[in-house]
């Protein structure tokens, strides 16, 4: 009986958002800062899935490697990203995430289109 009460209190006290977020995972991806609206997006290479960065520390981590668009070119960061989604996966939608680690970074200059 006590166990049921304790479990009930734990479930009641845990926010629903933490239950719906996925565990952290490492992906090979490409990060680009879109200068028009300062939108920082990470594309999971080999899929149609994208992530958008939701906190300043994650943005700062990525911006150590890339700089904003200059003239007719922009930089892309290809790397192994450890991502911790803060929202559940929805097919066809970009997913909110935190970036906890970047490994094997490679910066590539790409033309603006």
PDB file of N, CA and C in Angstrom:
ATOM      1  N   UNK A   1       0.817  -1.190   0.000  1.00  0.00           N
ATOM      2  CA  UNK A   1       0.000   0.000   0.000  1.00  0.00           C
ATOM      3  C   UNK A   1       0.864   1.258   0.000  1.00  0.00           C
ATOM      4  N   UNK A   2       1.903   1.279   0.832  1.00  0.00           N
ATOM      5  CA  UNK A   2       2.800   2.433   0.878  1.00  0.00           C
ATOM      6  C   UNK A   2       3.485   2.658  -0.464  1.00  0.00           C
ATOM      7  N   UNK A   3       3.883   1.585  -1.104  1.00  0.00           N
ATOM      8  CA  UNK A   3       4.550   1.698  -2.403  1.00  0.00           C
ATOM      9  C   UNK A   3       3.618   2.350  -3.416  1.00  0.00           C
ATOM     10  N   UNK A   4       2.368   1.978  -3.427  1.00  0.00           N
ATOM     11  CA  UNK A   4       1.401   2.565  -4.360  1.00  0.00           C
ATOM     12  C   UNK A   4       1.233   4.053  -4.102  1.00  0.00           C
ATOM     13  N   UNK A   5       1.211   4.453  -2.856  1.00  0.00           N
ATOM     14  CA  UNK A   5       1.065   5.873  -2.510  1.00  0.00           C
ATOM     15  C   UNK A   5       2.310   6.647  -2.953  1.00  0.00           C
ATOM     16  N   UNK A   6       3.487   6.095  -2.686  1.00  0.00           N
ATOM     17  CA  UNK A   6       4.735   6.763  -3.072  1.00  0.00           C
ATOM     18  C   UNK A   6       4.813   6.886  -4.597  1.00  0.00           C
ATOM     19  N   UNK A   7       4.508   5.827  -5.307  1.00  0.00           N
ATOM     20  CA  UNK A   7       4.527   5.879  -6.772  1.00  0.00           C
ATOM     21  C   UNK A   7       3.523   6.895  -7.305  1.00  0.00           C
ATOM     22  N   UNK A   8       2.353   6.950  -6.706  1.00  0.00           N
ATOM     23  CA  UNK A   8       1.347   7.929  -7.109  1.00  0.00           C
ATOM     24  C   UNK A   8       1.829   9.356  -6.906  1.00  0.00           C
ATOM     25  N   UNK A   9       2.482   9.606  -5.779  1.00  0.00           N
ATOM     26  CA  UNK A   9       3.020  10.945  -5.515  1.00  0.00           C
ATOM     27  C   UNK A   9       4.134  11.305  -6.496  1.00  0.00           C
ATOM     28  N   UNK A  10       4.984  10.356  -6.825  1.00  0.00           N
ATOM     29  CA  UNK A  10       6.063  10.614  -7.791  1.00  0.00           C
ATOM     30  C   UNK A  10       5.476  10.949  -9.156  1.00  0.00           C
ATOM     31  N   UNK A  11       4.518  10.168  -9.621  1.00  0.00           N
ATOM     32  CA  UNK A  11       3.898  10.438 -10.917  1.00  0.00           C
ATOM     33  C   UNK A  11       3.165  11.772 -10.923  1.00  0.00           C
ATOM     34  N   UNK A  12       2.524  12.119  -9.829  1.00  0.00           N
ATOM     35  CA  UNK A  12       1.803  13.377  -9.728  1.00  0.00           C
ATOM     36  C   UNK A  12       2.762  14.568  -9.738  1.00  0.00           C
ATOM     37  N   UNK A  13       3.921  14.415  -9.095  1.00  0.00           N
ATOM     38  CA  UNK A  13       4.879  15.522  -8.972  1.00  0.00           C
ATOM     39  C   UNK A  13       5.761  15.689 -10.209  1.00  0.00           C
ATOM     40  N   UNK A  14       5.840  14.687 -11.069  1.00  0.00           N
ATOM     41  CA  UNK A  14       6.687  14.764 -12.259  1.00  0.00           C
ATOM     42  C   UNK A  14       5.961  15.513 -13.362  1.00  0.00           C
ATOM     43  N   UNK A  15       6.577  16.562 -13.934  1.00  0.00           N
ATOM     44  CA  UNK A  15       5.933  17.299 -15.013  1.00  0.00           C
ATOM     45  C   UNK A  15       5.727  16.422 -16.242  1.00  0.00           C
ATOM     46  N   UNK A  16       4.637  16.658 -16.946  1.00  0.00           N
ATOM     47  CA  UNK A  16       4.324  15.858 -18.140  1.00  0.00           C
ATOM     48  C   UNK A  16       5.350  16.056 -19.228  1.00  0.00           C
ATOM     49  N   UNK A  17       5.944  17.246 -19.338  1.00  0.00           N
ATOM     50  CA  UNK A  17       6.906  17.505 -20.408  1.00  0.00           C
ATOM     51  C   UNK A  17       8.145  16.622 -20.285  1.00  0.00           C
ATOM     52  N   UNK A  18       8.583  16.334 -19.051  1.00  0.00           N
ATOM     53  CA  UNK A  18       9.760  15.496 -18.903  1.00  0.00           C
ATOM     54  C   UNK A  18       9.456  14.053 -19.277  1.00  0.00           C
ATOM     55  N   UNK A  19       8.218  13.628 -19.170  1.00  0.00           N
ATOM     56  CA  UNK A  19       7.851  12.269 -19.558  1.00  0.00           C
ATOM     57  C   UNK A  19       7.778  12.121 -21.075  1.00  0.00           C
ATOM     58  N   UNK A  20       7.448  13.193 -21.795  1.00  0.00           N
ATOM     59  CA  UNK A  20       7.262  13.098 -23.234  1.00  0.00           C
ATOM     60  C   UNK A  20       8.549  13.309 -24.012  1.00  0.00           C
ATOM     61  N   UNK A  21       9.577  13.890 -23.403  1.00  0.00           N
ATOM     62  CA  UNK A  21      10.841  14.111 -24.103  1.00  0.00           C
ATOM     63  C   UNK A  21      11.578  12.791 -24.261  1.00  0.00           C
ATOM     64  N   UNK A  22      12.373  12.729 -25.324  1.00  0.00           N
ATOM     65  CA  UNK A  22      13.135  11.516 -25.608  1.00  0.00           C
ATOM     66  C   UNK A  22      14.477  11.555 -24.883  1.00  0.00           C
ATOM     67  N   UNK A  23      15.114  10.406 -24.723  1.00  0.00           N
ATOM     68  CA  UNK A  23      16.445  10.403 -24.111  1.00  0.00           C
ATOM     69  C   UNK A  23      17.478  11.034 -25.049  1.00  0.00           C
ATOM     70  N   UNK A  24      18.584  11.469 -24.500  1.00  0.00           N
ATOM     71  CA  UNK A  24      19.663  12.037 -25.309  1.00  0.00           C
ATOM     72  C   UNK A  24      20.220  10.965 -26.238  1.00  0.00           C
ATOM     73  N   UNK A  25      20.675  11.408 -27.410  1.00  0.00           N
ATOM     74  CA  UNK A  25      21.279  10.474 -28.358  1.00  0.00           C
ATOM     75  C   UNK A  25      22.257  11.218 -29.246  1.00  0.00           C
ATOM     76  N   UNK A  26      23.175  10.476 -29.848  1.00  0.00           N
ATOM     77  CA  UNK A  26      24.163  11.083 -30.731  1.00  0.00           C
ATOM     78  C   UNK A  26      23.746  10.868 -32.179  1.00  0.00           C
ATOM     79  N   UNK A  27      23.842  11.940 -32.962  1.00  0.00           N
ATOM     80  CA  UNK A  27      23.521  11.865 -34.382  1.00  0.00           C
ATOM     81  C   UNK A  27      24.646  12.515 -35.179  1.00  0.00           C
ATOM     82  N   UNK A  28      24.774  12.146 -36.433  1.00  0.00           N
ATOM     83  CA  UNK A  28      25.644  12.869 -37.371  1.00  0.00           C
ATOM     84  C   UNK A  28      24.748  13.911 -38.004  1.00  0.00           C
ATOM     85  N   UNK A  29      25.133  15.175 -37.938  1.00  0.00           N
ATOM     86  CA  UNK A  29      24.256  16.221 -38.428  1.00  0.00           C
ATOM     87  C   UNK A  29      24.990  17.407 -39.004  1.00  0.00           C
ATOM     88  N   UNK A  30      24.184  18.340 -39.529  1.00  0.00           N
ATOM     89  CA  UNK A  30      24.690  19.593 -40.076  1.00  0.00           C
ATOM     90  C   UNK A  30      23.939  20.735 -39.412  1.00  0.00           C
ATOM     91  N   UNK A  31      24.670  21.640 -38.773  1.00  0.00           N
ATOM     92  CA  UNK A  31      24.065  22.805 -38.126  1.00  0.00           C
ATOM     93  C   UNK A  31      24.299  24.034 -38.986  1.00  0.00           C
ATOM     94  N   UNK A  32      23.242  24.823 -39.171  1.00  0.00           N
ATOM     95  CA  UNK A  32      23.327  26.066 -39.937  1.00  0.00           C
ATOM     96  C   UNK A  32      22.550  27.140 -39.201  1.00  0.00           C
ATOM     97  N   UNK A  33      23.133  28.342 -39.147  1.00  0.00           N
ATOM     98  CA  UNK A  33      22.442  29.504 -38.603  1.00  0.00           C
ATOM     99  C   UNK A  33      21.885  30.279 -39.786  1.00  0.00           C
ATOM    100  N   UNK A  34      20.559  30.367 -39.877  1.00  0.00           N
ATOM    101  CA  UNK A  34      19.918  31.123 -40.944  1.00  0.00           C
ATOM    102  C   UNK A  34      19.865  32.581 -40.521  1.00  0.00           C
ATOM    103  N   UNK A  35      20.544  33.445 -41.269  1.00  0.00           N
ATOM    104  CA  UNK A  35      20.743  34.824 -40.835  1.00  0.00           C
ATOM    105  C   UNK A  35      19.492  35.682 -40.922  1.00  0.00           C
ATOM    106  N   UNK A  36      18.557  35.364 -41.787  1.00  0.00           N
ATOM    107  CA  UNK A  36      17.361  36.187 -41.917  1.00  0.00           C
ATOM    108  C   UNK A  36      16.574  36.281 -40.631  1.00  0.00           C
ATOM    109  N   UNK A  37      16.426  35.152 -39.945  1.00  0.00           N
ATOM    110  CA  UNK A  37      15.668  35.146 -38.690  1.00  0.00           C
ATOM    111  C   UNK A  37      16.471  34.584 -37.516  1.00  0.00           C
ATOM    112  N   UNK A  38      17.770  34.402 -37.724  1.00  0.00           N
ATOM    113  CA  UNK A  38      18.670  33.865 -36.694  1.00  0.00           C
ATOM    114  C   UNK A  38      18.183  32.523 -36.154  1.00  0.00           C
ATOM    115  N   UNK A  39      17.681  31.690 -37.047  1.00  0.00           N
ATOM    116  CA  UNK A  39      17.173  30.366 -36.691  1.00  0.00           C
ATOM    117  C   UNK A  39      18.312  29.362 -36.810  1.00  0.00           C
ATOM    118  N   UNK A  40      18.633  28.679 -35.720  1.00  0.00           N
ATOM    119  CA  UNK A  40      19.708  27.693 -35.700  1.00  0.00           C
ATOM    120  C   UNK A  40      19.088  26.306 -35.777  1.00  0.00           C
ATOM    121  N   UNK A  41      19.418  25.601 -36.854  1.00  0.00           N
ATOM    122  CA  UNK A  41      18.793  24.303 -37.116  1.00  0.00           C
ATOM    123  C   UNK A  41      19.852  23.238 -37.338  1.00  0.00           C
ATOM    124  N   UNK A  42      19.565  22.031 -36.869  1.00  0.00           N
ATOM    125  CA  UNK A  42      20.440  20.879 -37.073  1.00  0.00           C
ATOM    126  C   UNK A  42      19.662  19.835 -37.865  1.00  0.00           C
ATOM    127  N   UNK A  43      20.209  19.461 -39.016  1.00  0.00           N
ATOM    128  CA  UNK A  43      19.595  18.427 -39.845  1.00  0.00           C
ATOM    129  C   UNK A  43      20.280  17.100 -39.516  1.00  0.00           C
ATOM    130  N   UNK A  44      19.491  16.068 -39.222  1.00  0.00           N
ATOM    131  CA  UNK A  44      20.009  14.718 -38.975  1.00  0.00           C
ATOM    132  C   UNK A  44      20.297  14.110 -40.343  1.00  0.00           C
ATOM    133  N   UNK A  45      21.578  13.995 -40.682  1.00  0.00           N
ATOM    134  CA  UNK A  45      21.988  13.524 -42.002  1.00  0.00           C
ATOM    135  C   UNK A  45      21.416  12.134 -42.270  1.00  0.00           C
ATOM    136  N   UNK A  46      20.895  11.960 -43.480  1.00  0.00           N
ATOM    137  CA  UNK A  46      20.318  10.684 -43.884  1.00  0.00           C
ATOM    138  C   UNK A  46      18.837  10.562 -43.582  1.00  0.00           C
ATOM    139  N   UNK A  47      18.254  11.612 -43.004  1.00  0.00           N
ATOM    140  CA  UNK A  47      16.828  11.609 -42.687  1.00  0.00           C
ATOM    141  C   UNK A  47      16.219  12.919 -43.181  1.00  0.00           C
ATOM    142  N   UNK A  48      14.935  13.082 -42.972  1.00  0.00           N
ATOM    143  CA  UNK A  48      14.252  14.340 -43.256  1.00  0.00           C
ATOM    144  C   UNK A  48      14.008  15.112 -41.961  1.00  0.00           C
ATOM    145  N   UNK A  49      14.586  14.640 -40.868  1.00  0.00           N
ATOM    146  CA  UNK A  49      14.300  15.211 -39.549  1.00  0.00           C
ATOM    147  C   UNK A  49      15.266  16.339 -39.199  1.00  0.00           C
ATOM    148  N   UNK A  50      14.716  17.412 -38.635  1.00  0.00           N
ATOM    149  CA  UNK A  50      15.525  18.536 -38.175  1.00  0.00           C
ATOM    150  C   UNK A  50      15.222  18.835 -36.713  1.00  0.00           C
ATOM    151  N   UNK A  51      16.168  19.488 -36.095  1.00  0.00           N
ATOM    152  CA  UNK A  51      16.051  19.911 -34.703  1.00  0.00           C
ATOM    153  C   UNK A  51      16.320  21.407 -34.643  1.00  0.00           C
ATOM    154  N   UNK A  52      15.664  22.102 -33.736  1.00  0.00           N
ATOM    155  CA  UNK A  52      16.016  23.499 -33.508  1.00  0.00           C
ATOM    156  C   UNK A  52      16.468  23.669 -32.069  1.00  0.00           C
ATOM    157  N   UNK A  53      17.466  24.525 -31.905  1.00  0.00           N
ATOM    158  CA  UNK A  53      18.130  24.726 -30.616  1.00  0.00           C
ATOM    159  C   UNK A  53      17.300  25.669 -29.757  1.00  0.00           C
ATOM    160  N   UNK A  54      17.081  25.287 -28.485  1.00  0.00           N
ATOM    161  CA  UNK A  54      16.168  26.053 -27.634  1.00  0.00           C
ATOM    162  C   UNK A  54      16.835  26.808 -26.480  1.00  0.00           C
ATOM    163  N   UNK A  55      18.164  26.723 -26.337  1.00  0.00           N
ATOM    164  CA  UNK A  55      18.767  27.461 -25.232  1.00  0.00           C
ATOM    165  C   UNK A  55      20.076  28.117 -25.662  1.00  0.00           C
ATOM    166  N   UNK A  56      20.467  29.120 -24.908  1.00  0.00           N
ATOM    167  CA  UNK A  56      21.663  29.896 -25.237  1.00  0.00           C
ATOM    168  C   UNK A  56      22.946  29.088 -25.117  1.00  0.00           C
ATOM    169  N   UNK A  57      23.030  28.196 -24.152  1.00  0.00           N
ATOM    170  CA  UNK A  57      24.269  27.426 -23.995  1.00  0.00           C
ATOM    171  C   UNK A  57      24.494  26.495 -25.193  1.00  0.00           C
ATOM    172  N   UNK A  58      23.420  25.931 -25.734  1.00  0.00           N
ATOM    173  CA  UNK A  58      23.541  25.096 -26.937  1.00  0.00           C
ATOM    174  C   UNK A  58      23.953  25.939 -28.136  1.00  0.00           C
ATOM    175  N   UNK A  59      23.356  27.112 -28.261  1.00  0.00           N
ATOM    176  CA  UNK A  59      23.707  28.019 -29.352  1.00  0.00           C
ATOM    177  C   UNK A  59      25.170  28.431 -29.241  1.00  0.00           C
ATOM    178  N   UNK A  60      25.603  28.791 -28.042  1.00  0.00           N
ATOM    179  CA  UNK A  60      26.999  29.187 -27.833  1.00  0.00           C
ATOM    180  C   UNK A  60      27.958  28.056 -28.190  1.00  0.00           C
ATOM    181  N   UNK A  61      27.601  26.830 -27.856  1.00  0.00           N
ATOM    182  CA  UNK A  61      28.438  25.671 -28.168  1.00  0.00           C
ATOM    183  C   UNK A  61      28.639  25.549 -29.678  1.00  0.00           C
ATOM    184  N   UNK A  62      27.579  25.699 -30.442  1.00  0.00           N
ATOM    185  CA  UNK A  62      27.665  25.605 -31.906  1.00  0.00           C
ATOM    186  C   UNK A  62      28.397  26.806 -32.480  1.00  0.00           C
ATOM    187  N   UNK A  63      28.136  27.999 -31.948  1.00  0.00           N
ATOM    188  CA  UNK A  63      28.727  29.215 -32.500  1.00  0.00           C
ATOM    189  C   UNK A  63      30.231  29.319 -32.216  1.00  0.00           C
ATOM    190  N   UNK A  64      30.783  28.428 -31.417  1.00  0.00           N
ATOM    191  CA  UNK A  64      32.245  28.362 -31.262  1.00  0.00           C
ATOM    192  C   UNK A  64      32.903  27.960 -32.584  1.00  0.00           C
ATOM    193  N   UNK A  65      32.140  27.280 -33.434  1.00  0.00           N
ATOM    194  CA  UNK A  65      32.683  26.748 -34.677  1.00  0.00           C
ATOM    195  C   UNK A  65      32.275  27.550 -35.909  1.00  0.00           C
ATOM    196  N   UNK A  66      31.094  28.099 -35.921  1.00  0.00           N
ATOM    197  CA  UNK A  66      30.610  28.807 -37.113  1.00  0.00           C
ATOM    198  C   UNK A  66      30.379  30.284 -36.813  1.00  0.00           C
ATOM    199  N   UNK A  67      30.403  31.076 -37.858  1.00  0.00           N
ATOM    200  CA  UNK A  67      30.086  32.494 -37.716  1.00  0.00           C
ATOM    201  C   UNK A  67      28.861  32.791 -38.564  1.00  0.00           C
ATOM    202  N   UNK A  68      28.170  33.865 -38.260  1.00  0.00           N
ATOM    203  CA  UNK A  68      26.980  34.217 -39.046  1.00  0.00           C
ATOM    204  C   UNK A  68      27.323  34.453 -40.516  1.00  0.00           C
ATOM    205  N   UNK A  69      26.297  34.420 -41.367  1.00  0.00           N
ATOM    206  CA  UNK A  69      26.478  34.620 -42.808  1.00  0.00           C
ATOM    207  C   UNK A  69      27.192  35.926 -43.091  1.00  0.00           C
ATOM    208  N   UNK A  70      28.085  35.858 -44.060  1.00  0.00           N
ATOM    209  CA  UNK A  70      28.803  37.051 -44.505  1.00  0.00           C
ATOM    210  C   UNK A  70      28.679  37.110 -46.026  1.00  0.00           C
ATOM    211  N   UNK A  71      28.083  38.186 -46.529  1.00  0.00           N
ATOM    212  CA  UNK A  71      27.947  38.333 -47.972  1.00  0.00           C
ATOM    213  C   UNK A  71      27.076  37.241 -48.568  1.00  0.00           C
ATOM    214  N   UNK A  72      27.638  36.548 -49.552  1.00  0.00           N
ATOM    215  CA  UNK A  72      26.851  35.526 -50.248  1.00  0.00           C
ATOM    216  C   UNK A  72      27.205  34.111 -49.818  1.00  0.00           C
ATOM    217  N   UNK A  73      27.776  33.955 -48.626  1.00  0.00           N
ATOM    218  CA  UNK A  73      28.095  32.607 -48.152  1.00  0.00           C
ATOM    219  C   UNK A  73      27.761  32.477 -46.667  1.00  0.00           C
ATOM    220  N   UNK A  74      27.624  31.248 -46.239  1.00  0.00           N
ATOM    221  CA  UNK A  74      27.393  30.947 -44.825  1.00  0.00           C
ATOM    222  C   UNK A  74      28.157  29.684 -44.480  1.00  0.00           C
ATOM    223  N   UNK A  75      28.356  29.465 -43.191  1.00  0.00           N
ATOM    224  CA  UNK A  75      29.081  28.289 -42.752  1.00  0.00           C
ATOM    225  C   UNK A  75      28.122  27.248 -42.196  1.00  0.00           C
ATOM    226  N   UNK A  76      28.472  25.996 -42.446  1.00  0.00           N
ATOM    227  CA  UNK A  76      27.721  24.872 -41.886  1.00  0.00           C
ATOM    228  C   UNK A  76      28.682  24.050 -41.048  1.00  0.00           C
ATOM    229  N   UNK A  77      28.186  23.553 -39.932  1.00  0.00           N
ATOM    230  CA  UNK A  77      28.979  22.709 -39.045  1.00  0.00           C
ATOM    231  C   UNK A  77      28.490  21.277 -39.176  1.00  0.00           C
ATOM    232  N   UNK A  78      29.351  20.416 -39.717  1.00  0.00           N
ATOM    233  CA  UNK A  78      29.067  18.983 -39.769  1.00  0.00           C
ATOM    234  C   UNK A  78      29.767  18.361 -38.562  1.00  0.00           C
ATOM    235  N   UNK A  79      29.041  17.564 -37.788  1.00  0.00           N
ATOM    236  CA  UNK A  79      29.625  16.996 -36.576  1.00  0.00           C
ATOM    237  C   UNK A  79      28.761  15.862 -36.048  1.00  0.00           C
ATOM    238  N   UNK A  80      29.288  15.207 -35.029  1.00  0.00           N
ATOM    239  CA  UNK A  80      28.510  14.244 -34.249  1.00  0.00           C
ATOM    240  C   UNK A  80      27.967  15.031 -33.061  1.00  0.00           C
ATOM    241  N   UNK A  81      26.662  15.250 -33.037  1.00  0.00           N
ATOM    242  CA  UNK A  81      26.001  16.035 -32.003  1.00  0.00           C
ATOM    243  C   UNK A  81      25.330  15.108 -31.003  1.00  0.00           C
ATOM    244  N   UNK A  82      25.498  15.372 -29.725  1.00  0.00           N
ATOM    245  CA  UNK A  82      24.703  14.697 -28.706  1.00  0.00           C
ATOM    246  C   UNK A  82      23.540  15.623 -28.398  1.00  0.00           C
ATOM    247  N   UNK A  83      22.337  15.173 -28.756  1.00  0.00           N
ATOM    248  CA  UNK A  83      21.124  15.977 -28.632  1.00  0.00           C
ATOM    249  C   UNK A  83      20.203  15.399 -27.570  1.00  0.00           C
ATOM    250  N   UNK A  84      19.564  16.297 -26.836  1.00  0.00           N
ATOM    251  CA  UNK A  84      18.588  15.914 -25.816  1.00  0.00           C
ATOM    252  C   UNK A  84      17.270  16.611 -26.151  1.00  0.00           C
ATOM    253  N   UNK A  85      16.381  15.938 -26.901  1.00  0.00           N
ATOM    254  CA  UNK A  85      15.121  16.573 -27.286  1.00  0.00           C
ATOM    255  C   UNK A  85      14.288  16.979 -26.075  1.00  0.00           C
ATOM    256  N   UNK A  86      13.713  18.175 -26.144  1.00  0.00           N
ATOM    257  CA  UNK A  86      12.867  18.679 -25.059  1.00  0.00           C
ATOM    258  C   UNK A  86      11.395  18.576 -25.398  1.00  0.00           C
ATOM    259  N   UNK A  87      11.096  18.084 -26.587  1.00  0.00           N
ATOM    260  CA  UNK A  87       9.711  17.885 -27.017  1.00  0.00           C
ATOM    261  C   UNK A  87       9.632  16.531 -27.710  1.00  0.00           C
ATOM    262  N   UNK A  88       8.469  15.912 -27.706  1.00  0.00           N
ATOM    263  CA  UNK A  88       8.338  14.611 -28.359  1.00  0.00           C
ATOM    264  C   UNK A  88       8.459  14.726 -29.873  1.00  0.00           C
ATOM    265  N   UNK A  89       8.862  13.642 -30.507  1.00  0.00           N
ATOM    266  CA  UNK A  89       8.987  13.578 -31.956  1.00  0.00           C
ATOM    267  C   UNK A  89       7.611  13.694 -32.608  1.00  0.00           C
ATOM    268  N   UNK A  90       7.510  14.534 -33.643  1.00  0.00           N
ATOM    269  CA  UNK A  90       6.302  14.634 -34.463  1.00  0.00           C
ATOM    270  C   UNK A  90       6.740  14.559 -35.907  1.00  0.00           C
ATOM    271  N   UNK A  91       6.235  13.594 -36.623  1.00  0.00           N
ATOM    272  CA  UNK A  91       6.601  13.415 -38.020  1.00  0.00           C
ATOM    273  C   UNK A  91       6.330  14.698 -38.807  1.00  0.00           C
ATOM    274  N   UNK A  92       7.328  15.139 -39.569  1.00  0.00           N
ATOM    275  CA  UNK A  92       7.182  16.324 -40.403  1.00  0.00           C
ATOM    276  C   UNK A  92       7.419  17.642 -39.704  1.00  0.00           C
ATOM    277  N   UNK A  93       7.760  17.612 -38.421  1.00  0.00           N
ATOM    278  CA  UNK A  93       7.983  18.854 -37.669  1.00  0.00           C
ATOM    279  C   UNK A  93       9.398  18.873 -37.108  1.00  0.00           C
ATOM    280  N   UNK A  94       9.975  20.063 -37.036  1.00  0.00           N
ATOM    281  CA  UNK A  94      11.274  20.221 -36.403  1.00  0.00           C
ATOM    282  C   UNK A  94      11.102  20.019 -34.901  1.00  0.00           C
ATOM    283  N   UNK A  95      12.096  19.433 -34.269  1.00  0.00           N
ATOM    284  CA  UNK A  95      11.989  19.054 -32.855  1.00  0.00           C
ATOM    285  C   UNK A  95      12.903  19.925 -31.997  1.00  0.00           C
ATOM    286  N   UNK A  96      12.364  20.445 -30.911  1.00  0.00           N
ATOM    287  CA  UNK A  96      13.144  21.257 -29.974  1.00  0.00           C
ATOM    288  C   UNK A  96      14.186  20.386 -29.283  1.00  0.00           C
ATOM    289  N   UNK A  97      15.403  20.923 -29.125  1.00  0.00           N
ATOM    290  CA  UNK A  97      16.470  20.127 -28.526  1.00  0.00           C
ATOM    291  C   UNK A  97      17.505  20.986 -27.815  1.00  0.00           C
ATOM    292  N   UNK A  98      18.248  20.347 -26.938  1.00  0.00           N
ATOM    293  CA  UNK A  98      19.436  20.917 -26.309  1.00  0.00           C
ATOM    294  C   UNK A  98      20.631  20.175 -26.885  1.00  0.00           C
ATOM    295  N   UNK A  99      21.747  20.858 -27.047  1.00  0.00           N
ATOM    296  CA  UNK A  99      22.977  20.227 -27.528  1.00  0.00           C
ATOM    297  C   UNK A  99      23.908  20.095 -26.337  1.00  0.00           C
ATOM    298  N   UNK A 100      24.288  18.864 -26.013  1.00  0.00           N
ATOM    299  CA  UNK A 100      25.153  18.674 -24.854  1.00  0.00           C
ATOM    300  C   UNK A 100      26.611  18.440 -25.226  1.00  0.00           C
ATOM    301  N   UNK A 101      26.872  18.007 -26.484  1.00  0.00           N
ATOM    302  CA  UNK A 101      28.258  17.746 -26.879  1.00  0.00           C
ATOM    303  C   UNK A 101      28.381  17.777 -28.393  1.00  0.00           C
ATOM    304  N   UNK A 102      29.564  18.216 -28.858  1.00  0.00           N
ATOM    305  CA  UNK A 102      29.883  18.200 -30.288  1.00  0.00           C
ATOM    306  C   UNK A 102      31.221  17.481 -30.440  1.00  0.00           C
ATOM    307  N   UNK A 103      31.217  16.459 -31.295  1.00  0.00           N
ATOM    308  CA  UNK A 103      32.454  15.719 -31.564  1.00  0.00           C
ATOM    309  C   UNK A 103      32.712  15.719 -33.063  1.00  0.00           C
ATOM    310  N   UNK A 104      33.967  15.607 -33.457  1.00  0.00           N
ATOM    311  CA  UNK A 104      34.384  15.527 -34.855  1.00  0.00           C
ATOM    312  C   UNK A 104      33.845  16.691 -35.700  1.00  0.00           C
ATOM    313  N   UNK A 105      34.032  17.927 -35.255  1.00  0.00           N
ATOM    314  CA  UNK A 105      33.492  19.058 -36.006  1.00  0.00           C
ATOM    315  C   UNK A 105      34.253  19.324 -37.311  1.00  0.00           C
ATOM    316  N   UNK A 106      33.503  19.698 -38.330  1.00  0.00           N
ATOM    317  CA  UNK A 106      34.088  20.113 -39.612  1.00  0.00           C
ATOM    318  C   UNK A 106      33.245  21.256 -40.148  1.00  0.00           C
ATOM    319  N   UNK A 107      33.856  22.414 -40.363  1.00  0.00           N
ATOM    320  CA  UNK A 107      33.138  23.593 -40.848  1.00  0.00           C
ATOM    321  C   UNK A 107      33.319  23.691 -42.360  1.00  0.00           C
ATOM    322  N   UNK A 108      32.193  23.905 -43.049  1.00  0.00           N
ATOM    323  CA  UNK A 108      32.177  24.016 -44.508  1.00  0.00           C
ATOM    324  C   UNK A 108      31.496  25.325 -44.877  1.00  0.00           C
ATOM    325  N   UNK A 109      32.105  26.077 -45.803  1.00  0.00           N
ATOM    326  CA  UNK A 109      31.479  27.302 -46.301  1.00  0.00           C
ATOM    327  C   UNK A 109      30.580  26.935 -47.470  1.00  0.00           C
ATOM    328  N   UNK A 110      29.319  27.399 -47.377  1.00  0.00           N
ATOM    329  CA  UNK A 110      28.310  27.073 -48.398  1.00  0.00           C
ATOM    330  C   UNK A 110      27.779  28.375 -48.998  1.00  0.00           C
ATOM    331  N   UNK A 111      27.359  28.335 -50.277  1.00  0.00           N
ATOM    332  CA  UNK A 111      26.772  29.550 -50.864  1.00  0.00           C
ATOM    333  C   UNK A 111      25.379  29.799 -50.301  1.00  0.00           C
ATOM    334  N   UNK A 112      25.025  31.068 -50.088  1.00  0.00           N
ATOM    335  CA  UNK A 112      23.659  31.439 -49.720  1.00  0.00           C
ATOM    336  C   UNK A 112      22.781  31.318 -50.942  1.00  0.00           C
ATOM    337  N   UNK A 113      21.609  30.785 -50.786  1.00  0.00           N
ATOM    338  CA  UNK A 113      20.682  30.657 -51.930  1.00  0.00           C
ATOM    339  C   UNK A 113      19.494  31.524 -51.711  1.00  0.00           C
TER     340      UNK A 113
END
